Amino acid sequence: MRLRSAIWMAATVVTCVLAAPRASDAGDDDAADFTKCTDTIRRSADPVERFNAVRRLGTLTDDRVSERLARLVRADADPGLRLEAAHALATVPNGKADRVVLELVAGGGPREIREALAVVLRDRGVPVKSLVAELDTDDREPLARCRLTDALAAYPDVMAAAHLERLARLWNGPTRDAALRALERQPRGSLLLADLVSDLLATSADLDTIVEALDVAERHGDDRVATQAERIRALGLAEADAALEVAVAHIAERRLLKSGGAPAKPARVRDRVDHVHVAHQGRDLQRVWDNVRADLMRARLKFEDVRVGCELYLEPSATRPSRDENRLPFTRDLAKVDKFFGDIIYQTKRGTGVGMTEALESAFDLPSWRWDAERVVVLYADASPRGLARAVIPASIHRIMDGTALSVFFFARNADDVPGPVREVAKSGGVDVTVIPPAGAGGSTADGGTADSGAKADEVDPLDRRGKPPPGTGPGKKDGKR
């Protein structure tokens, strides 16, 4: 009897061992599932099937999963699927996904996706010190540094808030602006903003620094802002004076509400607009310069707080300077615009779609956009660009997800000269192409209308030519340490 029991127990153990799945079998199953999921995502026209396949990918151990999800986040034509792929990266059970998500955050994308990826970093357990190590180096590309800085807002601990305050004090330009805005969203950051704003207003004479600090003061400043009023007015900067008036009114309103009172009428909020001009660094650059200056001056008649920026593109080459050398960060200061264009070395070759597409994507992905402002990307094209079709999806995605409008101009004698790829990009932004003719020539829009541009390129108004976006939705030329 005992022998029979022993034999039965031994047989049971052997059966269990034989029946247990081997690691290689599990790997084979994951590889098969990976192939099935990727085929479904690529071929299916059913959004539900595609979404389910993305969710399934997030559970697989296959080494290819992270990169495949990253490609979907960057390039899929469906905004919802991009967002789902970002969320799926949180559950990928291998360490390679951490590096992939970090690079996605640094690489940009629509605001909702960037914020989702920041949460994924936090949920995957990537520590604050690792994120700071990625951004806090002099050789980190400025836009990537800004995006990584912005991602710190997803971390609720004191360490993240302390690093954001340090970045706002240490860096100038876009990194400082990104740190200020991230502090506003970070759960503990608002406790640090009043001191930070007060210090910036007490030490800076730069128009952009002062107005950015006063913008934050509208929401988080205290009575110390009023003590800097005399100093700020002495600078003679009209835009800073207007921002100061509104910030002081909001601070007084908060104080009144806190004491149980009620203001006679709410403090007003200033109208804001951000424009980024994208153009080739070539023979038409003087006309672009004139148009950017005119845009800044003209927009001031319609908005209280106007910022312009520029993304210039070159032919790809081994000697091409870094993208930062061809970028004017957002500014309200006309002198900075003139210095930027005055320092640029013109290129004699005509532009192509390769550089244009890269610059256009970079403009849409700027982390310095203000989400309480009207936002417009202004594209100037001057050639029949190869590869510009690649920009159709980003233009459409950002218009849908971010509400960033697009305005498209083409340097030509008439609308018949506008290439098809330029028309397609304009169509993806919901607008027509406006032709900027040579001096003295009549102009027209690509749909047959007349562009009232006369003899000057700067008479074309991006504010009036752009499409309506869907509802709801630093000082100096370089970003550097102080």
Foldseek 3Di string as FASTA:
>chain_A
DVVVVVVVVVVVVVVVVVPDDDPVNLLVVLVVLLVVLVCCLVPPPDPVSNLVSLLVLLQGQDPCSLVVLLCCLPAPLDLVSNQSSLLSLLRHPDPVNLVSLLVSLLVFDAPVSNQSSLLSNVSNPPDPVNLCVQQVDPPRDVQSNLSSLLSLLNDQDPVSLVVLLVQLQWWFDSNVLSSLVSLVSHNPSLVVLQVSLLVQLVPDLAPVSLLSSLVSLLPRYEPSLVVSLVVNVVSVDPLSNVSSVLSVQSNVQVVQVVVVHHDPDHRDDWAEEEEEEEEELADCVVQVLLQQLLQLVVVVVVTSYYWYKYFYFYDDDPPDDDSLLRIFGIDSDNVQSVVSSVPRDGDHDFDALVRRLVRVLCQLRRPNDDLSHAAEYEYEHEDQHPPNLSNLSSLLSCLVAALHAYAAEYEEQELVPDHPSSQSSLVSRVFWYWYDYAAQGWTATNVGGTQPQHRGSNVGHRVPRIDGGDPPHGDHSGMGTD
